[in-house]
Amino acid sequence: MDIGIVNKRYAAEVDAELERAISGCGAPEPLISAMRYSIKAGGKRLRPCLALGVCEMLGGNAEMALHLGCGIEMIHTYSLIHDDLPCMDDDDMRRGRPSNHRVFGEGQAVLAGDGLLTFAFEYMLGMGLVHESKSYFKAVHEIARRAGVSGMVAGQSKDLECENSETPDESALSFIHSHKTADMLTAAVLAGAYSADAGERQLLALERFSQKMGLLFQITDDILDYSGDEALVGKTLGKDENSRKLTFVTLYGIDKARELAERTAEEAKSILYAAFGPGAEYLVQTVEKMLSRKY
């Protein structure tokens, strides 16, 4: 399997469906332009690709996974728009071009994020009426839970609370990234599994794997903020250290963070091999690519 080729195919499907959905969402100008600006800003489409990859791995309904994955991508994009705002991370660049609020103003950027979040659920629930699948609605519930006040939003809140902390806290760091980062990756993986009517043991294994993968993603993200190439990463680097954010690098140092990333990658792969054997090659390659990523 060449994961690059597979993800290119998945991403093309996702891009086409996102354009179809956003074009018909009914938003007025300039709101739809602000929503489209960020949803079409590029990116790896990691989350919908995970949903599609897990669905294919388990022999599920690819159309269900696509609709769930597109909803997740809308939610992820809303979170990036809001994350860049002056009241949050105050970042002027995202994916190599000006952040949404730098182009459309703060008010329209807030509304573009709100629009993508609410339309994500309008879209997913509407598609659920077509699929008429209990598993599909379980997936939407899972996505809502992991995106909301006990998931991604909770992690972002704790992240803000810990800025400029004089006492770095390992438990706080774990809480932040198990929710701010790992929860939406977990939602994507489980959405793919629900699209295949996965059993309880498969769901539990994939949840454990996803938490490790989410941890790995955040460690490598923190490493890139410290030592990455800004032209490749596409956003302002060094901001975490300058704003005294609690990160794996600021807490442990760069060398220990790299060691932790390697160990976490091995743990994630071990979970996959034990639960799915060679059939998990797509997810194994995802982990390996994540460990070595440059952007």
Protein backbone atom coordinates (compact mmCIF):
# COMPACT_ATOMS: atom_id res chain seq x y z
CA MET A 1 0.00 0.00 0.00
CA ASP A 2 1.20 3.51 -0.88
CA ILE A 3 -0.52 5.76 1.65
CA GLY A 4 0.24 8.84 -0.41
CA ILE A 5 -1.76 7.50 -3.36
CA VAL A 6 -4.60 6.32 -1.11
CA ASN A 7 -4.86 9.65 0.70
CA LYS A 8 -4.79 11.55 -2.59
CA ARG A 9 -7.83 9.53 -3.70
CA TYR A 10 -9.62 10.09 -0.40
CA ALA A 11 -8.82 13.82 -0.39
CA ALA A 12 -10.22 14.26 -3.91
CA GLU A 13 -13.50 12.67 -2.80
CA VAL A 14 -13.61 14.86 0.29
CA ASP A 15 -12.83 18.07 -1.61
CA ALA A 16 -15.55 17.40 -4.16
CA GLU A 17 -18.17 16.65 -1.50
CA LEU A 18 -17.20 19.66 0.64
CA GLU A 19 -17.53 21.97 -2.35
CA ARG A 20 -20.94 20.48 -3.20
CA ALA A 21 -22.13 20.86 0.39
CA ILE A 22 -20.79 24.37 1.03
CA SER A 23 -22.06 25.66 -2.32
CA GLY A 24 -25.59 24.62 -1.39
CA CYS A 25 -25.56 25.64 2.27
CA GLY A 26 -27.60 28.81 1.69
CA ALA A 27 -25.23 31.23 3.44
CA PRO A 28 -25.17 34.83 2.15
CA GLU A 29 -22.14 36.76 1.02
CA PRO A 30 -19.62 37.49 2.51
CA LEU A 31 -20.24 34.65 4.99
CA ILE A 32 -20.03 31.90 2.39
CA SER A 33 -16.81 33.39 1.01
CA ALA A 34 -15.26 33.37 4.48
CA MET A 35 -16.40 29.77 5.08
CA ARG A 36 -15.12 28.64 1.67
CA TYR A 37 -11.80 30.49 2.12
CA SER A 38 -10.84 28.31 5.07
CA ILE A 39 -12.48 25.04 4.01
CA LYS A 40 -10.55 25.24 0.71
CA ALA A 41 -7.27 26.40 2.24
CA GLY A 42 -5.61 23.05 1.66
CA GLY A 43 -4.39 20.95 4.53
CA LYS A 44 -3.88 17.22 4.72
CA ARG A 45 -7.57 16.28 5.18
CA LEU A 46 -6.21 13.92 7.83
CA ARG A 47 -9.47 13.42 9.72
CA PRO A 48 -11.77 12.53 6.80
CA CYS A 49 -8.99 10.37 5.35
CA LEU A 50 -8.86 8.47 8.64
CA ALA A 51 -12.63 7.95 8.55
CA LEU A 52 -12.44 6.62 4.99
CA GLY A 53 -9.35 4.52 5.67
CA VAL A 54 -10.82 2.80 8.72
CA CYS A 55 -14.10 2.22 6.90
CA GLU A 56 -12.28 0.60 3.98
CA MET A 57 -10.10 -1.44 6.35
CA LEU A 58 -13.23 -2.89 7.97
CA GLY A 59 -15.23 -3.27 4.74
CA GLY A 60 -17.86 -0.65 5.57
CA ASN A 61 -20.09 1.87 3.80
CA ALA A 62 -17.74 4.38 2.16
CA GLU A 63 -20.50 6.91 1.47
CA MET A 64 -21.40 7.05 5.15
CA ALA A 65 -17.76 7.53 6.07
CA LEU A 66 -17.40 10.29 3.49
CA HIS A 67 -20.36 12.24 4.89
CA LEU A 68 -19.15 11.85 8.46
CA GLY A 69 -15.59 12.75 7.46
CA CYS A 70 -16.74 15.92 5.69
CA GLY A 71 -18.69 16.97 8.77
CA ILE A 72 -15.60 16.42 10.90
CA GLU A 73 -13.51 18.49 8.48
CA MET A 74 -15.98 21.39 8.77
CA ILE A 75 -15.72 21.21 12.56
CA HIS A 76 -11.92 21.04 12.39
CA THR A 77 -11.83 24.06 10.07
CA TYR A 78 -14.08 26.08 12.36
CA SER A 79 -11.70 25.32 15.24
CA LEU A 80 -8.72 26.60 13.23
CA ILE A 81 -10.51 29.85 12.33
CA HIS A 82 -11.30 30.50 15.99
CA ASP A 83 -7.87 29.31 17.15
CA ASP A 84 -6.18 32.00 15.03
CA LEU A 85 -8.27 34.87 16.46
CA PRO A 86 -6.53 37.56 18.55
CA CYS A 87 -8.41 36.38 21.65
CA MET A 88 -7.00 32.86 21.20
CA ASP A 89 -3.59 32.18 19.60
CA ASP A 90 -3.49 35.48 17.67
CA ASP A 91 -1.93 34.03 14.52
CA ASP A 92 -1.88 35.90 11.20
CA MET A 93 -0.96 32.88 9.04
CA ARG A 94 -2.62 29.54 8.45
CA ARG A 95 -1.61 26.97 5.84
CA GLY A 96 0.74 29.42 4.16
CA ARG A 97 -1.70 32.29 3.69
CA PRO A 98 -3.39 34.97 5.83
CA SER A 99 -5.70 33.72 8.56
CA ASN A 100 -9.43 34.13 8.03
CA HIS A 101 -9.75 37.15 10.32
CA ARG A 102 -6.92 38.95 8.50
CA VAL A 103 -8.88 38.67 5.24
CA PHE A 104 -12.51 39.04 6.35
CA GLY A 105 -12.21 40.78 9.73
CA GLU A 106 -12.72 39.33 13.18
CA GLY A 107 -16.52 39.49 13.13
CA GLN A 108 -16.91 37.58 9.85
CA ALA A 109 -14.23 35.10 10.95
CA VAL A 110 -16.17 34.33 14.14
CA LEU A 111 -19.33 33.87 12.08
CA ALA A 112 -17.52 31.73 9.49
CA GLY A 113 -16.43 29.42 12.30
CA ASP A 114 -19.92 29.41 13.80
CA GLY A 115 -21.36 28.73 10.35
CA LEU A 116 -19.09 25.77 9.68
CA LEU A 117 -19.76 24.26 13.11
CA THR A 118 -23.54 24.48 12.87
CA PHE A 119 -23.67 23.53 9.19
CA ALA A 120 -21.52 20.46 9.93
CA PHE A 121 -24.33 19.02 12.05
CA GLU A 122 -27.07 20.18 9.68
CA TYR A 123 -25.19 18.40 6.90
CA MET A 124 -24.41 15.20 8.84
CA LEU A 125 -27.91 14.85 10.24
CA GLY A 126 -29.44 15.49 6.83
CA MET A 127 -27.29 12.76 5.33
CA GLY A 128 -28.28 10.50 8.22
CA LEU A 129 -31.90 10.73 7.11
CA VAL A 130 -30.73 9.29 3.79
CA HIS A 131 -28.67 6.47 5.32
CA GLU A 132 -31.26 5.55 8.00
CA SER A 133 -28.56 3.80 10.02
CA LYS A 134 -28.42 3.67 13.82
CA SER A 135 -24.65 3.29 13.61
CA TYR A 136 -24.44 6.50 11.57
CA PHE A 137 -26.28 8.46 14.26
CA LYS A 138 -24.07 6.88 16.94
CA ALA A 139 -21.13 8.29 14.99
CA VAL A 140 -22.68 11.78 14.85
CA HIS A 141 -23.23 11.64 18.62
CA GLU A 142 -19.60 10.59 19.09
CA ILE A 143 -18.42 13.49 16.94
CA ALA A 144 -20.57 15.97 18.87
CA ARG A 145 -19.30 14.70 22.21
CA ARG A 146 -15.66 14.84 21.21
CA ALA A 147 -15.98 18.27 19.58
CA GLY A 148 -17.84 19.84 22.48
CA VAL A 149 -17.62 20.94 26.08
CA SER A 150 -16.10 17.69 27.37
CA GLY A 151 -13.86 17.28 24.30
CA MET A 152 -12.04 19.70 22.01
CA VAL A 153 -13.60 22.83 23.55
CA ALA A 154 -12.58 21.66 27.03
CA GLY A 155 -9.00 21.14 25.84
CA GLN A 156 -8.88 24.62 24.29
CA SER A 157 -10.24 26.14 27.50
CA LYS A 158 -7.58 24.41 29.60
CA ASP A 159 -4.92 25.51 27.11
CA LEU A 160 -5.88 29.15 27.61
CA GLU A 161 -5.98 28.70 31.37
CA CYS A 162 -2.43 27.32 31.41
CA GLU A 163 -0.81 30.09 29.35
CA ASN A 164 1.99 31.83 31.27
CA SER A 165 1.75 29.26 34.02
CA GLU A 166 4.61 29.46 36.49
CA THR A 167 4.23 25.80 37.44
CA PRO A 168 4.28 23.47 34.41
CA ASP A 169 1.86 20.64 35.03
CA GLU A 170 2.14 17.25 33.35
CA SER A 171 -1.47 16.34 34.14
CA ALA A 172 -2.71 19.61 32.63
CA LEU A 173 -0.68 18.97 29.46
CA SER A 174 -2.18 15.48 29.20
CA PHE A 175 -5.70 16.85 29.64
CA ILE A 176 -5.20 19.59 27.04
CA HIS A 177 -4.00 17.35 24.27
CA SER A 178 -6.14 14.31 24.98
CA HIS A 179 -9.07 16.64 24.32
CA LYS A 180 -7.89 19.55 22.15
CA THR A 181 -6.07 17.28 19.71
CA ALA A 182 -6.79 13.59 20.23
CA ASP A 183 -10.56 13.74 20.62
CA MET A 184 -11.30 14.85 17.04
CA LEU A 185 -8.83 12.33 15.62
CA THR A 186 -10.56 9.68 17.69
CA ALA A 187 -13.94 10.87 16.40
CA ALA A 188 -12.72 10.43 12.83
CA VAL A 189 -11.39 6.91 13.41
CA LEU A 190 -14.54 5.83 15.25
CA ALA A 191 -16.73 7.40 12.54
CA GLY A 192 -15.04 5.10 10.04
CA ALA A 193 -15.59 2.16 12.36
CA TYR A 194 -19.28 2.96 12.87
CA SER A 195 -19.64 3.16 9.09
CA ALA A 196 -18.62 -0.50 9.08
CA ASP A 197 -20.83 -1.53 12.04
CA ALA A 198 -17.68 -2.38 14.00
CA GLY A 199 -17.99 -4.56 17.10
CA GLU A 200 -17.26 -3.45 20.65
CA ARG A 201 -13.76 -4.94 20.75
CA GLN A 202 -12.81 -3.24 17.50
CA LEU A 203 -14.17 0.10 18.72
CA LEU A 204 -12.23 -0.15 21.99
CA ALA A 205 -8.98 -1.02 20.20
CA LEU A 206 -9.44 1.84 17.75
CA GLU A 207 -10.18 4.26 20.58
CA ARG A 208 -6.99 3.24 22.40
CA PHE A 209 -5.03 3.55 19.16
CA SER A 210 -6.51 6.97 18.41
CA GLN A 211 -5.55 8.37 21.79
CA LYS A 212 -1.95 7.33 21.14
CA MET A 213 -2.08 8.77 17.62
CA GLY A 214 -3.51 12.05 18.94
CA LEU A 215 -0.69 12.27 21.47
CA LEU A 216 1.83 11.60 18.71
CA PHE A 217 0.30 14.28 16.48
CA GLN A 218 0.55 16.90 19.22
CA ILE A 219 4.12 16.00 20.22
CA THR A 220 5.28 16.29 16.61
CA ASP A 221 3.31 19.54 16.27
CA ASP A 222 5.11 20.96 19.30
CA ILE A 223 8.46 19.81 17.90
CA LEU A 224 7.69 21.50 14.58
CA ASP A 225 6.82 24.74 16.37
CA TYR A 226 10.27 24.61 17.96
CA SER A 227 12.41 23.39 15.05
CA GLY A 228 10.28 23.22 11.88
CA ASP A 229 10.55 25.10 8.58
CA GLU A 230 7.99 27.92 8.58
CA ALA A 231 7.68 27.77 4.78
CA LEU A 232 6.67 24.10 4.98
CA VAL A 233 4.51 24.31 8.10
CA GLY A 234 2.58 27.30 6.72
CA LYS A 235 2.05 29.15 10.01
CA THR A 236 4.04 31.30 12.40
CA LEU A 237 6.50 29.18 14.38
CA GLY A 238 7.98 29.82 17.81
CA LYS A 239 4.75 31.33 19.14
CA ASP A 240 4.24 28.59 21.73
CA GLU A 241 7.56 29.28 23.39
CA ASN A 242 7.19 33.06 23.12
CA SER A 243 3.73 33.01 24.68
CA ARG A 244 4.89 30.52 27.33
CA LYS A 245 2.37 27.90 26.30
CA LEU A 246 2.42 24.54 28.00
CA THR A 247 3.78 22.11 25.36
CA PHE A 248 5.73 18.87 25.26
CA VAL A 249 8.86 20.80 24.30
CA THR A 250 8.52 23.47 27.00
CA LEU A 251 7.80 20.82 29.64
CA TYR A 252 10.27 18.08 28.66
CA GLY A 253 12.79 19.66 26.26
CA ILE A 254 13.28 18.86 22.58
CA ASP A 255 15.28 15.63 22.98
CA LYS A 256 12.88 14.03 25.44
CA ALA A 257 9.93 15.14 23.31
CA ARG A 258 11.43 13.34 20.31
CA GLU A 259 11.98 10.20 22.39
CA LEU A 260 8.39 10.37 23.60
CA ALA A 261 7.15 10.70 20.01
CA GLU A 262 9.05 7.56 18.94
CA ARG A 263 7.80 5.58 21.93
CA THR A 264 4.21 6.70 21.38
CA ALA A 265 4.36 5.71 17.71
CA GLU A 266 5.52 2.21 18.65
CA GLU A 267 2.74 1.88 21.23
CA ALA A 268 0.13 2.95 18.66
CA LYS A 269 1.37 0.39 16.14
CA SER A 270 1.43 -2.37 18.78
CA ILE A 271 -2.26 -1.78 19.50
CA LEU A 272 -3.03 -2.08 15.79
CA TYR A 273 -1.01 -5.25 15.23
CA ALA A 274 -2.61 -6.93 18.26
CA ALA A 275 -6.17 -6.06 17.21
CA PHE A 276 -6.06 -6.17 13.39
CA GLY A 277 -2.78 -7.75 12.26
CA PRO A 278 -1.57 -6.92 8.74
CA GLY A 279 -5.01 -5.57 7.83
CA ALA A 280 -4.15 -2.34 9.66
CA GLU A 281 -1.44 -1.30 7.19
CA TYR A 282 -3.17 1.99 6.33
CA LEU A 283 -3.18 3.08 9.96
CA VAL A 284 0.36 1.82 10.54
CA GLN A 285 1.61 3.92 7.64
CA THR A 286 -0.38 6.89 8.97
CA VAL A 287 1.52 6.63 12.26
CA GLU A 288 4.88 6.35 10.52
CA LYS A 289 4.13 9.34 8.33
CA MET A 290 3.00 11.34 11.35
CA LEU A 291 6.22 10.58 13.22
CA SER A 292 8.38 11.88 10.36
CA ARG A 293 6.19 14.77 9.24
CA LYS A 294 7.68 18.12 8.29
CA TYR A 295 4.42 20.08 8.21
